[in-house]
Amino acid sequence: AADLAGKEKDAIRGRAHAAVQVVMNETNPFGSRQYDVAWLKPLAEFALRNAASANYAVRNSVRTVLQNSEFSSSDEMPKLSKALMARLLAEADKLTPGQLESLVEHARNAGHYDTEAEWQQVAKIVQTRWEKEKPGSRREGKLDEVLRNIHQETGGEARTAYLRLRIKLADDESRPDKQRQLFDELISHQWTPEMQAETLALLEKLGSGPSAEGRLVEQLS
């Protein structure tokens, strides 16, 4: 399976994407999309090897493999899913934010077999990196975006805890947007007295209208 990392590979990335399309019969708009099962293992190896590439063409090639219905229903998919998670756990502390974004996307696309506990481990690693970045910096913003994607898989409790932490560490300019995101998360959960109190407290801070009624309408519109 080709490794397409490195600037010197620019010339072959487009050809690699075209090759993936041909192998998977994606270029035939009318015929069967089935293809030779002998390609399943090489395609899985290609996806794993290049899953952390931030290059658009390579990222799209890996996405094509993972979203293909024949591949996703094959025996290679659960093996690839576990391998992607293992790579994510091993490399989450060292990949660039762009590479991490790609690997997280692909692990999520393949992640029918991952557990919330594994995603919570990944979140803990990436959060440690995020907390060390300068607030408001480009890297801090990128890692925050990656963390929010990770927390789509960690479960509501862990996701809510992270959204609360973002507010605690936010500056005055970014705090309202982060409060709104926590508000949206809270109202999607099962209602409890504690959650109701927290949601109403956020509502008081978020609205811009002259009355409580106006703020409520704004938040629920």
N, C-alpha and C. Protein backbone atom coordinates (compact mmCIF):
# COMPACT_ATOMS: atom_id res chain seq x y z
N ALA A 1 0.85 -1.19 0.00
CA ALA A 1 0.00 0.00 0.00
C ALA A 1 0.88 1.24 0.00
N ALA A 2 0.56 2.17 -0.86
CA ALA A 2 1.40 3.36 -1.03
C ALA A 2 1.33 4.26 0.19
N ASP A 3 2.50 4.79 0.60
CA ASP A 3 2.58 5.82 1.62
C ASP A 3 2.73 7.14 0.89
N LEU A 4 1.74 8.02 1.03
CA LEU A 4 1.72 9.26 0.25
C LEU A 4 2.14 10.47 1.06
N ALA A 5 2.81 10.26 2.19
CA ALA A 5 3.28 11.37 3.01
C ALA A 5 4.50 12.00 2.37
N GLY A 6 4.65 13.31 2.61
CA GLY A 6 5.84 14.01 2.13
C GLY A 6 5.58 14.82 0.88
N LYS A 7 6.22 15.97 0.81
CA LYS A 7 6.03 16.87 -0.32
C LYS A 7 6.48 16.24 -1.63
N GLU A 8 7.47 15.36 -1.55
CA GLU A 8 7.99 14.75 -2.78
C GLU A 8 6.96 13.82 -3.43
N LYS A 9 5.87 13.50 -2.71
CA LYS A 9 4.85 12.61 -3.26
C LYS A 9 3.70 13.38 -3.91
N ASP A 10 3.82 14.70 -4.03
CA ASP A 10 2.73 15.50 -4.59
C ASP A 10 2.27 14.98 -5.94
N ALA A 11 3.21 14.60 -6.78
CA ALA A 11 2.87 14.24 -8.16
C ALA A 11 2.05 12.96 -8.24
N ILE A 12 2.16 12.08 -7.25
CA ILE A 12 1.47 10.80 -7.36
C ILE A 12 0.17 10.74 -6.56
N ARG A 13 -0.12 11.77 -5.77
CA ARG A 13 -1.32 11.69 -4.95
C ARG A 13 -2.59 11.66 -5.80
N GLY A 14 -2.62 12.50 -6.83
CA GLY A 14 -3.79 12.50 -7.71
C GLY A 14 -3.96 11.17 -8.41
N ARG A 15 -2.85 10.57 -8.83
CA ARG A 15 -2.93 9.27 -9.50
C ARG A 15 -3.38 8.19 -8.53
N ALA A 16 -2.96 8.30 -7.28
CA ALA A 16 -3.38 7.32 -6.28
C ALA A 16 -4.88 7.40 -6.05
N HIS A 17 -5.41 8.62 -5.99
CA HIS A 17 -6.86 8.77 -5.81
C HIS A 17 -7.61 8.17 -6.99
N ALA A 18 -7.12 8.44 -8.21
CA ALA A 18 -7.76 7.88 -9.40
C ALA A 18 -7.70 6.35 -9.37
N ALA A 19 -6.58 5.80 -8.90
CA ALA A 19 -6.43 4.35 -8.83
C ALA A 19 -7.43 3.75 -7.85
N VAL A 20 -7.63 4.40 -6.70
CA VAL A 20 -8.61 3.92 -5.73
C VAL A 20 -10.01 3.91 -6.35
N GLN A 21 -10.33 4.98 -7.08
CA GLN A 21 -11.64 5.06 -7.73
C GLN A 21 -11.83 3.92 -8.72
N VAL A 22 -10.80 3.62 -9.51
CA VAL A 22 -10.88 2.56 -10.51
C VAL A 22 -11.01 1.19 -9.84
N VAL A 23 -10.15 0.93 -8.84
CA VAL A 23 -10.16 -0.36 -8.15
C VAL A 23 -11.53 -0.64 -7.55
N MET A 24 -12.16 0.40 -6.98
CA MET A 24 -13.44 0.22 -6.30
C MET A 24 -14.62 0.40 -7.25
N ASN A 25 -14.34 0.53 -8.53
CA ASN A 25 -15.37 0.66 -9.55
C ASN A 25 -16.25 1.88 -9.32
N GLU A 26 -15.68 2.92 -8.68
CA GLU A 26 -16.42 4.14 -8.40
C GLU A 26 -16.61 5.00 -9.65
N THR A 27 -15.86 4.70 -10.70
CA THR A 27 -15.94 5.52 -11.92
C THR A 27 -17.04 5.07 -12.86
N ASN A 28 -17.70 3.97 -12.54
CA ASN A 28 -18.77 3.45 -13.40
C ASN A 28 -20.12 3.89 -12.86
N PRO A 29 -20.78 4.86 -13.49
CA PRO A 29 -22.02 5.39 -12.93
C PRO A 29 -23.23 4.51 -13.18
N PHE A 30 -23.10 3.51 -14.07
CA PHE A 30 -24.27 2.73 -14.45
C PHE A 30 -24.16 1.26 -14.08
N GLY A 31 -22.94 0.72 -14.12
CA GLY A 31 -22.76 -0.70 -13.85
C GLY A 31 -22.70 -1.01 -12.37
N SER A 32 -22.39 -2.25 -12.06
CA SER A 32 -22.27 -2.68 -10.67
C SER A 32 -21.08 -2.00 -10.01
N ARG A 33 -21.26 -1.65 -8.73
CA ARG A 33 -20.14 -1.06 -7.97
C ARG A 33 -19.33 -2.14 -7.27
N GLN A 34 -19.65 -3.41 -7.50
CA GLN A 34 -18.87 -4.47 -6.88
C GLN A 34 -17.49 -4.54 -7.53
N TYR A 35 -16.52 -5.01 -6.77
CA TYR A 35 -15.16 -5.13 -7.28
C TYR A 35 -14.53 -6.38 -6.68
N ASP A 36 -13.36 -6.73 -7.21
CA ASP A 36 -12.67 -7.95 -6.81
C ASP A 36 -12.33 -7.90 -5.34
N VAL A 37 -12.75 -8.91 -4.58
CA VAL A 37 -12.51 -8.92 -3.14
C VAL A 37 -11.03 -9.03 -2.81
N ALA A 38 -10.22 -9.38 -3.79
CA ALA A 38 -8.78 -9.43 -3.56
C ALA A 38 -8.21 -8.06 -3.24
N TRP A 39 -8.96 -7.01 -3.58
CA TRP A 39 -8.50 -5.65 -3.31
C TRP A 39 -8.82 -5.18 -1.89
N LEU A 40 -9.63 -5.91 -1.16
CA LEU A 40 -10.08 -5.43 0.15
C LEU A 40 -8.91 -5.22 1.12
N LYS A 41 -8.03 -6.20 1.22
CA LYS A 41 -6.90 -6.06 2.15
C LYS A 41 -5.95 -4.94 1.73
N PRO A 42 -5.54 -4.83 0.43
CA PRO A 42 -4.69 -3.71 0.04
C PRO A 42 -5.34 -2.35 0.28
N LEU A 43 -6.65 -2.27 0.09
CA LEU A 43 -7.36 -1.01 0.34
C LEU A 43 -7.33 -0.67 1.83
N ALA A 44 -7.50 -1.68 2.68
CA ALA A 44 -7.42 -1.44 4.13
C ALA A 44 -6.02 -0.97 4.53
N GLU A 45 -5.00 -1.58 3.95
CA GLU A 45 -3.62 -1.18 4.24
C GLU A 45 -3.36 0.25 3.77
N PHE A 46 -3.89 0.59 2.60
CA PHE A 46 -3.74 1.95 2.08
C PHE A 46 -4.40 2.96 3.03
N ALA A 47 -5.61 2.63 3.48
CA ALA A 47 -6.34 3.55 4.36
C ALA A 47 -5.61 3.75 5.68
N LEU A 48 -5.11 2.67 6.26
CA LEU A 48 -4.41 2.78 7.54
C LEU A 48 -3.12 3.57 7.40
N ARG A 49 -2.36 3.29 6.34
CA ARG A 49 -1.07 3.93 6.15
C ARG A 49 -1.22 5.44 5.96
N ASN A 50 -2.30 5.86 5.30
CA ASN A 50 -2.46 7.27 4.93
C ASN A 50 -3.54 8.00 5.72
N ALA A 51 -4.02 7.38 6.79
CA ALA A 51 -5.15 7.95 7.54
C ALA A 51 -4.84 9.27 8.22
N ALA A 52 -3.57 9.55 8.47
CA ALA A 52 -3.21 10.79 9.15
C ALA A 52 -2.77 11.88 8.18
N SER A 53 -2.89 11.63 6.89
CA SER A 53 -2.49 12.65 5.92
C SER A 53 -3.48 13.81 5.94
N ALA A 54 -2.94 15.03 5.97
CA ALA A 54 -3.79 16.22 5.91
C ALA A 54 -3.98 16.72 4.48
N ASN A 55 -3.37 16.03 3.53
CA ASN A 55 -3.52 16.41 2.12
C ASN A 55 -4.94 16.12 1.66
N TYR A 56 -5.54 17.05 0.94
CA TYR A 56 -6.95 16.91 0.56
C TYR A 56 -7.19 15.66 -0.29
N ALA A 57 -6.35 15.46 -1.32
CA ALA A 57 -6.56 14.33 -2.23
C ALA A 57 -6.41 13.00 -1.50
N VAL A 58 -5.41 12.89 -0.63
CA VAL A 58 -5.19 11.65 0.11
C VAL A 58 -6.33 11.42 1.10
N ARG A 59 -6.70 12.48 1.77
CA ARG A 59 -7.80 12.36 2.74
C ARG A 59 -9.08 11.90 2.07
N ASN A 60 -9.33 12.43 0.86
CA ASN A 60 -10.52 12.05 0.12
C ASN A 60 -10.44 10.60 -0.35
N SER A 61 -9.24 10.15 -0.68
CA SER A 61 -9.05 8.75 -1.09
C SER A 61 -9.37 7.80 0.06
N VAL A 62 -8.87 8.11 1.25
CA VAL A 62 -9.16 7.27 2.42
C VAL A 62 -10.65 7.30 2.72
N ARG A 63 -11.25 8.48 2.61
CA ARG A 63 -12.69 8.61 2.85
C ARG A 63 -13.49 7.74 1.87
N THR A 64 -13.05 7.70 0.62
CA THR A 64 -13.72 6.88 -0.39
C THR A 64 -13.71 5.41 0.00
N VAL A 65 -12.57 4.94 0.50
CA VAL A 65 -12.48 3.55 0.93
C VAL A 65 -13.45 3.27 2.07
N LEU A 66 -13.43 4.11 3.09
CA LEU A 66 -14.22 3.86 4.30
C LEU A 66 -15.72 3.98 4.06
N GLN A 67 -16.11 4.81 3.12
CA GLN A 67 -17.54 5.03 2.87
C GLN A 67 -18.10 4.10 1.80
N ASN A 68 -17.26 3.27 1.22
CA ASN A 68 -17.72 2.33 0.22
C ASN A 68 -18.53 1.21 0.87
N SER A 69 -19.70 0.94 0.39
CA SER A 69 -20.59 -0.01 1.05
C SER A 69 -20.03 -1.42 1.05
N GLU A 70 -19.37 -1.83 -0.05
CA GLU A 70 -18.82 -3.18 -0.09
C GLU A 70 -17.67 -3.33 0.91
N PHE A 71 -16.82 -2.31 0.97
CA PHE A 71 -15.71 -2.38 1.91
C PHE A 71 -16.23 -2.36 3.35
N SER A 72 -17.17 -1.47 3.64
CA SER A 72 -17.64 -1.31 5.02
C SER A 72 -18.36 -2.54 5.54
N SER A 73 -18.86 -3.39 4.64
CA SER A 73 -19.54 -4.61 5.07
C SER A 73 -18.62 -5.83 5.03
N SER A 74 -17.35 -5.61 4.69
CA SER A 74 -16.39 -6.72 4.58
C SER A 74 -15.75 -7.02 5.93
N ASP A 75 -15.03 -8.13 5.98
CA ASP A 75 -14.32 -8.51 7.21
C ASP A 75 -13.15 -7.59 7.50
N GLU A 76 -12.72 -6.81 6.50
CA GLU A 76 -11.59 -5.90 6.70
C GLU A 76 -11.98 -4.68 7.54
N MET A 77 -13.26 -4.32 7.51
CA MET A 77 -13.67 -3.08 8.18
C MET A 77 -13.45 -3.13 9.69
N PRO A 78 -13.90 -4.17 10.40
CA PRO A 78 -13.64 -4.17 11.86
C PRO A 78 -12.16 -4.21 12.20
N LYS A 79 -11.38 -4.91 11.39
CA LYS A 79 -9.93 -4.94 11.64
C LYS A 79 -9.31 -3.57 11.42
N LEU A 80 -9.74 -2.89 10.36
CA LEU A 80 -9.23 -1.54 10.09
C LEU A 80 -9.68 -0.57 11.18
N SER A 81 -10.91 -0.69 11.62
CA SER A 81 -11.43 0.19 12.67
C SER A 81 -10.57 0.09 13.93
N LYS A 82 -10.25 -1.13 14.33
CA LYS A 82 -9.43 -1.33 15.52
C LYS A 82 -8.01 -0.82 15.32
N ALA A 83 -7.48 -1.00 14.10
CA ALA A 83 -6.13 -0.52 13.81
C ALA A 83 -6.06 1.00 13.80
N LEU A 84 -7.11 1.64 13.29
CA LEU A 84 -7.15 3.10 13.30
C LEU A 84 -7.21 3.65 14.72
N MET A 85 -8.01 3.00 15.56
CA MET A 85 -8.09 3.43 16.95
C MET A 85 -6.75 3.22 17.66
N ALA A 86 -6.10 2.10 17.40
CA ALA A 86 -4.79 1.85 18.01
C ALA A 86 -3.78 2.91 17.57
N ARG A 87 -3.82 3.28 16.30
CA ARG A 87 -2.91 4.31 15.81
C ARG A 87 -3.23 5.66 16.45
N LEU A 88 -4.51 5.94 16.59
CA LEU A 88 -4.92 7.21 17.20
C LEU A 88 -4.45 7.30 18.64
N LEU A 89 -4.59 6.23 19.39
CA LEU A 89 -4.14 6.22 20.78
C LEU A 89 -2.62 6.37 20.87
N ALA A 90 -1.92 5.78 19.91
CA ALA A 90 -0.46 5.81 19.95
C ALA A 90 0.12 7.13 19.49
N GLU A 91 -0.59 7.86 18.61
CA GLU A 91 -0.01 9.03 17.97
C GLU A 91 -0.72 10.34 18.29
N ALA A 92 -1.77 10.30 19.10
CA ALA A 92 -2.54 11.52 19.38
C ALA A 92 -1.72 12.60 20.06
N ASP A 93 -0.65 12.21 20.72
CA ASP A 93 0.17 13.19 21.44
C ASP A 93 1.26 13.80 20.57
N LYS A 94 1.40 13.35 19.32
CA LYS A 94 2.51 13.84 18.50
C LYS A 94 2.12 14.30 17.10
N LEU A 95 0.96 13.95 16.59
CA LEU A 95 0.55 14.38 15.27
C LEU A 95 0.28 15.88 15.25
N THR A 96 0.46 16.51 14.10
CA THR A 96 0.06 17.92 13.98
C THR A 96 -1.45 18.01 14.09
N PRO A 97 -2.01 19.18 14.41
CA PRO A 97 -3.47 19.31 14.48
C PRO A 97 -4.16 18.89 13.19
N GLY A 98 -3.57 19.22 12.03
CA GLY A 98 -4.18 18.83 10.76
C GLY A 98 -4.18 17.33 10.56
N GLN A 99 -3.07 16.68 10.91
CA GLN A 99 -3.00 15.22 10.81
C GLN A 99 -3.97 14.57 11.79
N LEU A 100 -4.04 15.12 12.98
CA LEU A 100 -4.94 14.58 13.99
C LEU A 100 -6.40 14.70 13.55
N GLU A 101 -6.74 15.82 12.95
CA GLU A 101 -8.09 16.02 12.43
C GLU A 101 -8.45 14.92 11.43
N SER A 102 -7.52 14.61 10.52
CA SER A 102 -7.76 13.58 9.51
C SER A 102 -7.94 12.21 10.15
N LEU A 103 -7.03 11.85 11.05
CA LEU A 103 -7.10 10.53 11.66
C LEU A 103 -8.36 10.37 12.50
N VAL A 104 -8.76 11.41 13.20
CA VAL A 104 -10.00 11.35 13.98
C VAL A 104 -11.20 11.16 13.06
N GLU A 105 -11.23 11.89 11.96
CA GLU A 105 -12.34 11.73 11.01
C GLU A 105 -12.44 10.29 10.52
N HIS A 106 -11.30 9.72 10.11
CA HIS A 106 -11.33 8.37 9.56
C HIS A 106 -11.64 7.33 10.62
N ALA A 107 -11.13 7.53 11.82
CA ALA A 107 -11.45 6.59 12.90
C ALA A 107 -12.94 6.64 13.23
N ARG A 108 -13.53 7.82 13.17
CA ARG A 108 -14.97 7.93 13.41
C ARG A 108 -15.76 7.26 12.29
N ASN A 109 -15.33 7.46 11.04
CA ASN A 109 -16.04 6.84 9.92
C ASN A 109 -15.97 5.33 9.96
N ALA A 110 -14.89 4.80 10.51
CA ALA A 110 -14.72 3.34 10.58
C ALA A 110 -15.12 2.79 11.93
N GLY A 111 -15.54 3.64 12.84
CA GLY A 111 -15.60 3.28 14.24
C GLY A 111 -16.84 2.60 14.74
N HIS A 112 -17.39 1.70 13.97
CA HIS A 112 -18.56 0.96 14.44
C HIS A 112 -18.19 0.00 15.57
N TYR A 113 -16.90 -0.18 15.79
CA TYR A 113 -16.45 -1.19 16.74
C TYR A 113 -15.69 -0.59 17.92
N ASP A 114 -15.56 0.74 17.94
CA ASP A 114 -14.85 1.41 19.03
C ASP A 114 -15.79 1.62 20.22
N THR A 115 -15.19 1.84 21.40
CA THR A 115 -15.97 2.06 22.60
C THR A 115 -15.82 3.50 23.06
N GLU A 116 -16.78 3.95 23.85
CA GLU A 116 -16.69 5.29 24.43
C GLU A 116 -15.44 5.42 25.29
N ALA A 117 -15.05 4.37 25.97
CA ALA A 117 -13.87 4.42 26.83
C ALA A 117 -12.61 4.69 26.00
N GLU A 118 -12.50 4.10 24.82
CA GLU A 118 -11.34 4.35 23.97
C GLU A 118 -11.32 5.80 23.50
N TRP A 119 -12.47 6.30 23.10
CA TRP A 119 -12.54 7.70 22.67
C TRP A 119 -12.25 8.65 23.83
N GLN A 120 -12.65 8.28 25.02
CA GLN A 120 -12.36 9.12 26.18
C GLN A 120 -10.85 9.16 26.45
N GLN A 121 -10.15 8.07 26.20
CA GLN A 121 -8.69 8.07 26.34
C GLN A 121 -8.05 9.02 25.33
N VAL A 122 -8.55 8.97 24.09
CA VAL A 122 -8.04 9.87 23.05
C VAL A 122 -8.30 11.32 23.46
N ALA A 123 -9.50 11.59 23.94
CA ALA A 123 -9.86 12.95 24.35
C ALA A 123 -8.93 13.46 25.44
N LYS A 124 -8.60 12.60 26.38
CA LYS A 124 -7.71 13.00 27.48
C LYS A 124 -6.33 13.40 26.96
N ILE A 125 -5.82 12.63 25.99
CA ILE A 125 -4.50 12.92 25.41
C ILE A 125 -4.52 14.26 24.69
N VAL A 126 -5.55 14.45 23.86
CA VAL A 126 -5.62 15.68 23.05
C VAL A 126 -5.92 16.88 23.93
N GLN A 127 -6.73 16.69 24.97
CA GLN A 127 -7.04 17.81 25.86
C GLN A 127 -5.79 18.31 26.58
N THR A 128 -4.90 17.40 26.94
CA THR A 128 -3.64 17.80 27.56
C THR A 128 -2.86 18.73 26.63
N ARG A 129 -2.85 18.41 25.35
CA ARG A 129 -2.18 19.27 24.37
C ARG A 129 -2.90 20.61 24.24
N TRP A 130 -4.22 20.57 24.17
CA TRP A 130 -5.03 21.78 23.99
C TRP A 130 -4.83 22.76 25.13
N GLU A 131 -4.77 22.25 26.36
CA GLU A 131 -4.63 23.11 27.53
C GLU A 131 -3.29 23.84 27.56
N LYS A 132 -2.29 23.33 26.86
CA LYS A 132 -0.96 23.95 26.83
C LYS A 132 -0.84 25.05 25.77
N GLU A 133 -1.81 25.13 24.86
CA GLU A 133 -1.74 26.11 23.78
C GLU A 133 -2.22 27.49 24.27
N LYS A 134 -1.74 28.51 23.62
CA LYS A 134 -2.14 29.87 23.95
C LYS A 134 -3.60 30.08 23.59
N PRO A 135 -4.45 30.52 24.53
CA PRO A 135 -5.86 30.74 24.22
C PRO A 135 -6.04 31.69 23.04
N GLY A 136 -6.90 31.32 22.12
CA GLY A 136 -7.15 32.15 20.96
C GLY A 136 -6.20 31.94 19.80
N SER A 137 -5.16 31.12 20.01
CA SER A 137 -4.21 30.86 18.93
C SER A 137 -4.82 29.90 17.91
N ARG A 138 -4.19 29.87 16.73
CA ARG A 138 -4.70 29.00 15.68
C ARG A 138 -4.63 27.53 16.09
N ARG A 139 -3.52 27.13 16.71
CA ARG A 139 -3.38 25.74 17.13
C ARG A 139 -4.40 25.39 18.23
N GLU A 140 -4.61 26.33 19.14
CA GLU A 140 -5.60 26.08 20.19
C GLU A 140 -6.98 25.89 19.59
N GLY A 141 -7.33 26.73 18.61
CA GLY A 141 -8.63 26.61 17.97
C GLY A 141 -8.78 25.32 17.20
N LYS A 142 -7.70 24.89 16.52
CA LYS A 142 -7.76 23.65 15.75
C LYS A 142 -7.90 22.44 16.65
N LEU A 143 -7.14 22.43 17.75
CA LEU A 143 -7.24 21.31 18.68
C LEU A 143 -8.60 21.29 19.37
N ASP A 144 -9.17 22.45 19.62
CA ASP A 144 -10.52 22.51 20.19
C ASP A 144 -11.53 21.90 19.21
N GLU A 145 -11.39 22.22 17.93
CA GLU A 145 -12.28 21.65 16.92
C GLU A 145 -12.14 20.13 16.87
N VAL A 146 -10.91 19.65 16.92
CA VAL A 146 -10.67 18.21 16.93
C VAL A 146 -11.29 17.57 18.17
N LEU A 147 -11.13 18.22 19.32
CA LEU A 147 -11.70 17.68 20.56
C LEU A 147 -13.21 17.59 20.51
N ARG A 148 -13.83 18.61 19.93
CA ARG A 148 -15.29 18.56 19.83
C ARG A 148 -15.74 17.41 18.93
N ASN A 149 -14.97 17.11 17.89
CA ASN A 149 -15.28 15.96 17.04
C ASN A 149 -15.09 14.65 17.81
N ILE A 150 -14.00 14.58 18.57
CA ILE A 150 -13.76 13.39 19.39
C ILE A 150 -14.89 13.18 20.37
N HIS A 151 -15.36 14.26 20.96
CA HIS A 151 -16.40 14.14 22.00
C HIS A 151 -17.77 13.79 21.43
N GLN A 152 -17.90 13.73 20.12
CA GLN A 152 -19.13 13.18 19.55
C GLN A 152 -19.20 11.67 19.80
N GLU A 153 -18.08 11.08 20.20
CA GLU A 153 -18.01 9.63 20.42
C GLU A 153 -17.80 9.25 21.88
N THR A 154 -17.61 10.22 22.77
CA THR A 154 -17.23 9.91 24.15
C THR A 154 -18.41 9.71 25.08
N GLY A 155 -19.60 10.07 24.64
CA GLY A 155 -20.76 10.01 25.51
C GLY A 155 -21.09 11.38 26.08
N GLY A 156 -22.35 11.57 26.45
CA GLY A 156 -22.84 12.88 26.87
C GLY A 156 -22.14 13.45 28.09
N GLU A 157 -21.81 12.62 29.06
CA GLU A 157 -21.20 13.12 30.30
C GLU A 157 -19.83 13.72 30.03
N ALA A 158 -18.99 13.00 29.28
CA ALA A 158 -17.65 13.50 28.97
C ALA A 158 -17.72 14.71 28.06
N ARG A 159 -18.63 14.69 27.11
CA ARG A 159 -18.78 15.82 26.19
C ARG A 159 -19.20 17.08 26.93
N THR A 160 -20.15 16.94 27.84
CA THR A 160 -20.62 18.09 28.62
C THR A 160 -19.51 18.63 29.51
N ALA A 161 -18.74 17.75 30.11
CA ALA A 161 -17.63 18.18 30.97
C ALA A 161 -16.63 19.01 30.18
N TYR A 162 -16.36 18.61 28.94
CA TYR A 162 -15.42 19.38 28.13
C TYR A 162 -15.99 20.73 27.76
N LEU A 163 -17.26 20.77 27.42
CA LEU A 163 -17.88 22.05 27.07
C LEU A 163 -17.89 23.02 28.25
N ARG A 164 -18.05 22.49 29.45
CA ARG A 164 -17.97 23.34 30.64
C ARG A 164 -16.55 23.87 30.84
N LEU A 165 -15.56 23.02 30.61
CA LEU A 165 -14.17 23.44 30.76
C LEU A 165 -13.83 24.55 29.76
N ARG A 166 -14.33 24.45 28.55
CA ARG A 166 -14.08 25.49 27.54
C ARG A 166 -14.56 26.85 28.03
N ILE A 167 -15.71 26.86 28.68
CA ILE A 167 -16.24 28.12 29.20
C ILE A 167 -15.36 28.65 30.33
N LYS A 168 -14.94 27.75 31.20
CA LYS A 168 -14.11 28.14 32.33
C LYS A 168 -12.81 28.80 31.88
N LEU A 169 -12.24 28.31 30.79
CA LEU A 169 -10.95 28.81 30.31
C LEU A 169 -11.08 29.88 29.23
N ALA A 170 -12.30 30.21 28.83
CA ALA A 170 -12.50 31.13 27.71
C ALA A 170 -12.24 32.58 28.11
N ASP A 171 -11.86 33.37 27.10
CA ASP A 171 -11.77 34.81 27.32
C ASP A 171 -13.15 35.43 27.11
N ASP A 172 -13.28 36.72 27.43
CA ASP A 172 -14.59 37.36 27.37
C ASP A 172 -15.19 37.35 25.98
N GLU A 173 -14.34 37.45 24.96
CA GLU A 173 -14.85 37.52 23.59
C GLU A 173 -15.45 36.20 23.12
N SER A 174 -14.80 35.10 23.47
CA SER A 174 -15.26 33.79 22.97
C SER A 174 -16.25 33.10 23.90
N ARG A 175 -16.40 33.60 25.13
CA ARG A 175 -17.24 32.91 26.10
C ARG A 175 -18.71 32.77 25.66
N PRO A 176 -19.36 33.80 25.13
CA PRO A 176 -20.78 33.64 24.75
C PRO A 176 -21.02 32.51 23.76
N ASP A 177 -20.15 32.38 22.77
CA ASP A 177 -20.33 31.32 21.78
C ASP A 177 -20.18 29.95 22.44
N LYS A 178 -19.25 29.83 23.37
CA LYS A 178 -19.04 28.56 24.05
C LYS A 178 -20.18 28.26 25.03
N GLN A 179 -20.73 29.30 25.62
CA GLN A 179 -21.89 29.10 26.48
C GLN A 179 -23.09 28.62 25.67
N ARG A 180 -23.24 29.18 24.46
CA ARG A 180 -24.34 28.75 23.61
C ARG A 180 -24.19 27.28 23.22
N GLN A 181 -22.97 26.84 22.94
CA GLN A 181 -22.75 25.45 22.58
C GLN A 181 -23.06 24.52 23.74
N LEU A 182 -22.71 24.93 24.97
CA LEU A 182 -23.07 24.13 26.14
C LEU A 182 -24.58 24.12 26.32
N PHE A 183 -25.22 25.25 26.12
CA PHE A 183 -26.68 25.32 26.23
C PHE A 183 -27.33 24.33 25.27
N ASP A 184 -26.88 24.33 24.02
CA ASP A 184 -27.44 23.43 23.01
C ASP A 184 -27.24 21.97 23.41
N GLU A 185 -26.08 21.68 24.02
CA GLU A 185 -25.82 20.31 24.47
C GLU A 185 -26.75 19.93 25.62
N LEU A 186 -26.91 20.83 26.57
CA LEU A 186 -27.72 20.51 27.75
C LEU A 186 -29.17 20.24 27.39
N ILE A 187 -29.73 21.02 26.48
CA ILE A 187 -31.15 20.83 26.16
C ILE A 187 -31.38 19.57 25.32
N SER A 188 -30.30 18.93 24.88
CA SER A 188 -30.45 17.67 24.14
C SER A 188 -30.41 16.46 25.07
N HIS A 189 -30.12 16.70 26.36
CA HIS A 189 -30.02 15.61 27.32
C HIS A 189 -31.35 15.37 28.02
N GLN A 190 -31.42 14.23 28.70
CA GLN A 190 -32.58 13.97 29.54
C GLN A 190 -32.64 15.01 30.65
N TRP A 191 -33.81 15.56 30.87
CA TRP A 191 -33.98 16.69 31.78
C TRP A 191 -33.90 16.23 33.22
N THR A 192 -33.08 16.91 34.02
CA THR A 192 -32.98 16.67 35.47
C THR A 192 -33.04 18.04 36.15
N PRO A 193 -33.35 18.07 37.44
CA PRO A 193 -33.39 19.37 38.14
C PRO A 193 -32.06 20.11 38.06
N GLU A 194 -30.95 19.39 38.19
CA GLU A 194 -29.64 20.03 38.13
C GLU A 194 -29.37 20.61 36.75
N MET A 195 -29.74 19.84 35.72
CA MET A 195 -29.50 20.30 34.37
C MET A 195 -30.41 21.48 34.04
N GLN A 196 -31.62 21.44 34.55
CA GLN A 196 -32.54 22.55 34.33
C GLN A 196 -31.97 23.84 34.93
N ALA A 197 -31.43 23.74 36.14
CA ALA A 197 -30.88 24.92 36.79
C ALA A 197 -29.69 25.47 36.01
N GLU A 198 -28.82 24.59 35.54
CA GLU A 198 -27.65 25.03 34.77
C GLU A 198 -28.08 25.66 33.45
N THR A 199 -29.08 25.06 32.81
CA THR A 199 -29.54 25.58 31.52
C THR A 199 -30.16 26.96 31.67
N LEU A 200 -30.97 27.13 32.70
CA LEU A 200 -31.61 28.43 32.92
C LEU A 200 -30.58 29.49 33.30
N ALA A 201 -29.55 29.09 34.04
CA ALA A 201 -28.48 30.03 34.38
C ALA A 201 -27.74 30.47 33.12
N LEU A 202 -27.51 29.55 32.20
CA LEU A 202 -26.88 29.90 30.93
C LEU A 202 -27.78 30.80 30.11
N LEU A 203 -29.06 30.53 30.15
CA LEU A 203 -30.02 31.32 29.39
C LEU A 203 -29.98 32.79 29.80
N GLU A 204 -29.82 33.02 31.08
CA GLU A 204 -29.75 34.39 31.58
C GLU A 204 -28.52 35.12 31.03
N LYS A 205 -27.44 34.37 30.82
CA LYS A 205 -26.20 34.98 30.35
C LYS A 205 -26.19 35.18 28.83
N LEU A 206 -26.94 34.35 28.12
CA LEU A 206 -26.83 34.34 26.66
C LEU A 206 -27.72 35.34 25.95
N GLY A 207 -28.91 35.55 26.46
CA GLY A 207 -29.87 36.35 25.73
C GLY A 207 -29.47 37.82 25.62
N SER A 208 -29.91 38.46 24.54
CA SER A 208 -29.59 39.88 24.34
C SER A 208 -30.83 40.76 24.38
N GLY A 209 -32.00 40.15 24.57
CA GLY A 209 -33.23 40.91 24.58
C GLY A 209 -33.46 41.62 25.91
N PRO A 210 -34.48 42.50 26.01
CA PRO A 210 -34.72 43.29 27.21
C PRO A 210 -35.40 42.52 28.33
N SER A 211 -35.89 41.33 28.05
CA SER A 211 -36.62 40.58 29.08
C SER A 211 -36.26 39.12 29.01
N ALA A 212 -36.60 38.40 30.06
CA ALA A 212 -36.34 36.96 30.08
C ALA A 212 -37.09 36.26 28.97
N GLU A 213 -38.31 36.72 28.67
CA GLU A 213 -39.10 36.10 27.62
C GLU A 213 -38.40 36.26 26.26
N GLY A 214 -37.86 37.43 26.03
CA GLY A 214 -37.16 37.67 24.77
C GLY A 214 -35.93 36.80 24.62
N ARG A 215 -35.21 36.60 25.73
CA ARG A 215 -34.02 35.75 25.70
C ARG A 215 -34.40 34.30 25.44
N LEU A 216 -35.52 33.87 26.02
CA LEU A 216 -35.96 32.50 25.81
C LEU A 216 -36.30 32.27 24.34
N VAL A 217 -37.03 33.21 23.77
CA VAL A 217 -37.38 33.10 22.34
C VAL A 217 -36.13 33.05 21.49
N GLU A 218 -35.14 33.87 21.80
CA GLU A 218 -33.90 33.89 21.02
C GLU A 218 -33.19 32.53 21.09
N GLN A 219 -33.12 31.93 22.25
CA GLN A 219 -32.37 30.68 22.40
C GLN A 219 -33.09 29.50 21.77
N LEU A 220 -34.41 29.53 21.75
CA LEU A 220 -35.17 28.38 21.25
C LEU A 220 -35.59 28.54 19.80
N SER A 221 -35.20 29.64 19.16
CA SER A 221 -35.57 29.87 17.76
C SER A 221 -34.66 29.12 16.83
